[in-house]
Amino acid sequence: MDLPDLSDLALPGTTIAIRATPKAARERIIREADGTIRVYVTAVPEGGKATKAVRQLMAKAIGVAPTRLTLIRGETARDKVFRLD
């Protein structure tokens, strides 16, 4: 699994905008030069499975529990915004 160190985002109240890609070949996170975070998960986008996988992968990269990431916007969209509680 290809996970960058996103521990700099581990501040309470931080909002994190990501671009999710479900049904990817492998799970990984890419932080582009402009600051965009792209999350690739193998889960299918039905019944919230991909969103749950994105939350778990992001939490692992940040170094926090998945329950500390709250989805603010984008439950069924590829562009999602999480808040770290």
N, C-alpha and C. Protein backbone atom coordinates (compact mmCIF):
# COMPACT_ATOMS: atom_id res chain seq x y z
N MET A 1 0.84 -1.17 0.00
CA MET A 1 0.00 0.00 0.00
C MET A 1 0.89 1.24 0.00
N ASP A 2 0.55 2.18 -0.84
CA ASP A 2 1.36 3.40 -1.01
C ASP A 2 0.70 4.55 -0.25
N LEU A 3 1.18 4.81 0.99
CA LEU A 3 0.60 5.86 1.81
C LEU A 3 1.64 6.92 2.15
N PRO A 4 1.38 8.17 1.78
CA PRO A 4 2.28 9.26 2.18
C PRO A 4 2.04 9.62 3.65
N ASP A 5 2.96 10.33 4.22
CA ASP A 5 2.80 10.79 5.60
C ASP A 5 1.94 12.04 5.59
N LEU A 6 0.73 11.93 6.08
CA LEU A 6 -0.19 13.07 6.13
C LEU A 6 -0.38 13.55 7.56
N SER A 7 0.58 13.28 8.43
CA SER A 7 0.45 13.64 9.85
C SER A 7 0.38 15.16 10.05
N ASP A 8 0.82 15.94 9.05
CA ASP A 8 0.72 17.40 9.17
C ASP A 8 -0.74 17.87 9.17
N LEU A 9 -1.67 16.99 8.75
CA LEU A 9 -3.09 17.33 8.74
C LEU A 9 -3.79 16.96 10.04
N ALA A 10 -3.05 16.41 11.00
CA ALA A 10 -3.63 15.89 12.24
C ALA A 10 -3.90 16.98 13.27
N LEU A 11 -4.52 18.06 12.86
CA LEU A 11 -4.90 19.13 13.76
C LEU A 11 -6.42 19.16 13.88
N PRO A 12 -6.97 19.13 15.10
CA PRO A 12 -8.43 19.15 15.25
C PRO A 12 -9.06 20.35 14.54
N GLY A 13 -10.15 20.08 13.82
CA GLY A 13 -10.85 21.12 13.09
C GLY A 13 -10.38 21.29 11.65
N THR A 14 -9.33 20.59 11.27
CA THR A 14 -8.82 20.68 9.90
C THR A 14 -9.83 20.08 8.93
N THR A 15 -10.08 20.78 7.81
CA THR A 15 -10.91 20.20 6.75
C THR A 15 -9.99 19.70 5.66
N ILE A 16 -10.31 18.53 5.16
CA ILE A 16 -9.46 17.87 4.17
C ILE A 16 -10.31 17.54 2.95
N ALA A 17 -9.97 18.17 1.83
CA ALA A 17 -10.67 17.91 0.57
C ALA A 17 -9.90 16.84 -0.19
N ILE A 18 -10.63 15.84 -0.67
CA ILE A 18 -9.97 14.77 -1.42
C ILE A 18 -10.78 14.46 -2.68
N ARG A 19 -10.11 13.78 -3.60
CA ARG A 19 -10.75 13.28 -4.82
C ARG A 19 -10.65 11.76 -4.75
N ALA A 20 -11.78 11.08 -4.64
CA ALA A 20 -11.80 9.63 -4.47
C ALA A 20 -11.98 8.92 -5.80
N THR A 21 -11.30 7.79 -5.94
CA THR A 21 -11.46 6.93 -7.11
C THR A 21 -11.75 5.52 -6.62
N PRO A 22 -13.02 5.09 -6.71
CA PRO A 22 -13.37 3.73 -6.30
C PRO A 22 -13.00 2.71 -7.37
N LYS A 23 -13.04 1.43 -7.01
CA LYS A 23 -12.75 0.32 -7.93
C LYS A 23 -11.37 0.44 -8.57
N ALA A 24 -10.40 0.94 -7.82
CA ALA A 24 -9.03 1.06 -8.33
C ALA A 24 -8.34 -0.31 -8.25
N ALA A 25 -7.24 -0.45 -8.95
CA ALA A 25 -6.50 -1.71 -8.94
C ALA A 25 -5.85 -1.96 -7.58
N ARG A 26 -5.42 -0.88 -6.92
CA ARG A 26 -4.82 -1.02 -5.59
C ARG A 26 -5.12 0.23 -4.78
N GLU A 27 -5.02 0.09 -3.46
CA GLU A 27 -5.30 1.23 -2.59
C GLU A 27 -4.05 2.07 -2.41
N ARG A 28 -4.21 3.38 -2.61
CA ARG A 28 -3.08 4.29 -2.45
C ARG A 28 -3.60 5.72 -2.31
N ILE A 29 -2.71 6.57 -1.81
CA ILE A 29 -3.00 7.99 -1.68
C ILE A 29 -1.88 8.75 -2.38
N ILE A 30 -2.26 9.71 -3.19
CA ILE A 30 -1.27 10.55 -3.88
C ILE A 30 -1.53 12.00 -3.49
N ARG A 31 -0.47 12.65 -3.02
CA ARG A 31 -0.55 14.08 -2.71
C ARG A 31 0.21 14.81 -3.81
N GLU A 32 -0.53 15.53 -4.63
CA GLU A 32 0.07 16.21 -5.77
C GLU A 32 0.77 17.49 -5.33
N ALA A 33 1.58 18.04 -6.22
CA ALA A 33 2.37 19.24 -5.92
C ALA A 33 1.50 20.44 -5.54
N ASP A 34 0.30 20.52 -6.11
CA ASP A 34 -0.59 21.66 -5.80
C ASP A 34 -1.39 21.44 -4.52
N GLY A 35 -1.14 20.32 -3.81
CA GLY A 35 -1.81 20.05 -2.55
C GLY A 35 -3.04 19.18 -2.66
N THR A 36 -3.45 18.86 -3.88
CA THR A 36 -4.60 17.99 -4.08
C THR A 36 -4.29 16.59 -3.56
N ILE A 37 -5.25 16.01 -2.84
CA ILE A 37 -5.08 14.66 -2.33
C ILE A 37 -6.02 13.74 -3.10
N ARG A 38 -5.45 12.73 -3.73
CA ARG A 38 -6.23 11.74 -4.47
C ARG A 38 -6.15 10.41 -3.74
N VAL A 39 -7.32 9.83 -3.48
CA VAL A 39 -7.39 8.57 -2.75
C VAL A 39 -7.98 7.51 -3.67
N TYR A 40 -7.25 6.43 -3.86
CA TYR A 40 -7.69 5.32 -4.70
C TYR A 40 -8.02 4.13 -3.79
N VAL A 41 -9.24 3.61 -3.90
CA VAL A 41 -9.65 2.46 -3.09
C VAL A 41 -10.21 1.36 -3.98
N THR A 42 -10.08 0.12 -3.53
CA THR A 42 -10.56 -1.02 -4.31
C THR A 42 -12.05 -1.28 -4.10
N ALA A 43 -12.65 -0.64 -3.12
CA ALA A 43 -14.07 -0.85 -2.81
C ALA A 43 -14.97 -0.30 -3.91
N VAL A 44 -16.15 -0.91 -4.02
CA VAL A 44 -17.12 -0.46 -5.01
C VAL A 44 -17.94 0.70 -4.44
N PRO A 45 -18.40 1.61 -5.31
CA PRO A 45 -19.14 2.78 -4.84
C PRO A 45 -20.63 2.50 -4.64
N GLU A 46 -20.95 1.56 -3.77
CA GLU A 46 -22.35 1.29 -3.50
C GLU A 46 -22.54 1.04 -2.00
N GLY A 47 -23.59 1.60 -1.47
CA GLY A 47 -23.89 1.43 -0.06
C GLY A 47 -22.87 2.05 0.88
N GLY A 48 -22.11 3.03 0.41
CA GLY A 48 -21.15 3.72 1.25
C GLY A 48 -19.84 2.95 1.47
N LYS A 49 -19.65 1.85 0.75
CA LYS A 49 -18.43 1.04 0.92
C LYS A 49 -17.17 1.80 0.54
N ALA A 50 -17.21 2.53 -0.57
CA ALA A 50 -16.03 3.28 -1.01
C ALA A 50 -15.72 4.42 -0.04
N THR A 51 -16.74 5.11 0.43
CA THR A 51 -16.53 6.21 1.38
C THR A 51 -15.92 5.68 2.67
N LYS A 52 -16.39 4.54 3.14
CA LYS A 52 -15.84 3.93 4.35
C LYS A 52 -14.37 3.56 4.14
N ALA A 53 -14.06 3.01 2.97
CA ALA A 53 -12.67 2.64 2.67
C ALA A 53 -11.78 3.87 2.58
N VAL A 54 -12.29 4.96 2.00
CA VAL A 54 -11.54 6.22 1.92
C VAL A 54 -11.26 6.75 3.32
N ARG A 55 -12.28 6.73 4.18
CA ARG A 55 -12.12 7.21 5.56
C ARG A 55 -11.04 6.40 6.28
N GLN A 56 -11.06 5.08 6.15
CA GLN A 56 -10.09 4.23 6.83
C GLN A 56 -8.67 4.46 6.31
N LEU A 57 -8.53 4.59 5.00
CA LEU A 57 -7.21 4.81 4.41
C LEU A 57 -6.65 6.17 4.80
N MET A 58 -7.49 7.20 4.78
CA MET A 58 -7.05 8.53 5.18
C MET A 58 -6.64 8.56 6.65
N ALA A 59 -7.43 7.91 7.50
CA ALA A 59 -7.11 7.87 8.93
C ALA A 59 -5.77 7.19 9.17
N LYS A 60 -5.50 6.14 8.42
CA LYS A 60 -4.22 5.43 8.57
C LYS A 60 -3.05 6.33 8.16
N ALA A 61 -3.22 7.07 7.07
CA ALA A 61 -2.16 7.95 6.58
C ALA A 61 -1.93 9.14 7.52
N ILE A 62 -3.00 9.63 8.13
CA ILE A 62 -2.88 10.77 9.04
C ILE A 62 -2.38 10.32 10.41
N GLY A 63 -2.75 9.10 10.79
CA GLY A 63 -2.33 8.57 12.09
C GLY A 63 -3.36 8.80 13.17
N VAL A 64 -4.64 8.77 12.79
CA VAL A 64 -5.73 8.96 13.75
C VAL A 64 -6.73 7.82 13.57
N ALA A 65 -7.68 7.72 14.50
CA ALA A 65 -8.74 6.73 14.39
C ALA A 65 -9.73 7.15 13.31
N PRO A 66 -10.27 6.20 12.55
CA PRO A 66 -11.24 6.55 11.50
C PRO A 66 -12.46 7.29 12.03
N THR A 67 -12.83 7.06 13.28
CA THR A 67 -14.00 7.75 13.84
C THR A 67 -13.76 9.24 14.04
N ARG A 68 -12.51 9.67 14.01
CA ARG A 68 -12.21 11.11 14.15
C ARG A 68 -12.40 11.87 12.85
N LEU A 69 -12.56 11.16 11.72
CA LEU A 69 -12.80 11.81 10.43
C LEU A 69 -14.31 11.83 10.16
N THR A 70 -14.86 13.02 10.07
CA THR A 70 -16.29 13.19 9.82
C THR A 70 -16.48 13.68 8.39
N LEU A 71 -17.33 12.99 7.64
CA LEU A 71 -17.62 13.40 6.28
C LEU A 71 -18.56 14.60 6.31
N ILE A 72 -18.10 15.72 5.75
CA ILE A 72 -18.90 16.94 5.73
C ILE A 72 -19.70 17.03 4.43
N ARG A 73 -19.05 16.69 3.33
CA ARG A 73 -19.67 16.86 2.02
C ARG A 73 -19.17 15.77 1.07
N GLY A 74 -20.07 15.27 0.22
CA GLY A 74 -19.67 14.34 -0.83
C GLY A 74 -19.94 12.88 -0.55
N GLU A 75 -21.02 12.58 0.15
CA GLU A 75 -21.33 11.19 0.49
C GLU A 75 -21.41 10.30 -0.75
N THR A 76 -22.00 10.81 -1.83
CA THR A 76 -22.13 10.00 -3.04
C THR A 76 -21.31 10.57 -4.20
N ALA A 77 -20.47 11.54 -3.92
CA ALA A 77 -19.66 12.17 -4.97
C ALA A 77 -18.20 11.74 -4.87
N ARG A 78 -17.46 11.95 -5.94
CA ARG A 78 -16.03 11.64 -5.92
C ARG A 78 -15.23 12.67 -5.14
N ASP A 79 -15.71 13.91 -5.15
CA ASP A 79 -15.06 14.97 -4.37
C ASP A 79 -15.68 14.97 -2.99
N LYS A 80 -14.83 14.74 -1.99
CA LYS A 80 -15.30 14.62 -0.61
C LYS A 80 -14.54 15.60 0.28
N VAL A 81 -15.19 16.02 1.35
CA VAL A 81 -14.55 16.88 2.35
C VAL A 81 -14.75 16.24 3.72
N PHE A 82 -13.64 16.00 4.39
CA PHE A 82 -13.67 15.44 5.74
C PHE A 82 -13.21 16.50 6.72
N ARG A 83 -13.68 16.40 7.97
CA ARG A 83 -13.22 17.26 9.05
C ARG A 83 -12.62 16.35 10.12
N LEU A 84 -11.47 16.75 10.63
CA LEU A 84 -10.83 15.98 11.70
C LEU A 84 -11.32 16.51 13.03
N ASP A 85 -11.97 15.66 13.81
CA ASP A 85 -12.51 16.06 15.12
C ASP A 85 -11.53 15.74 16.23
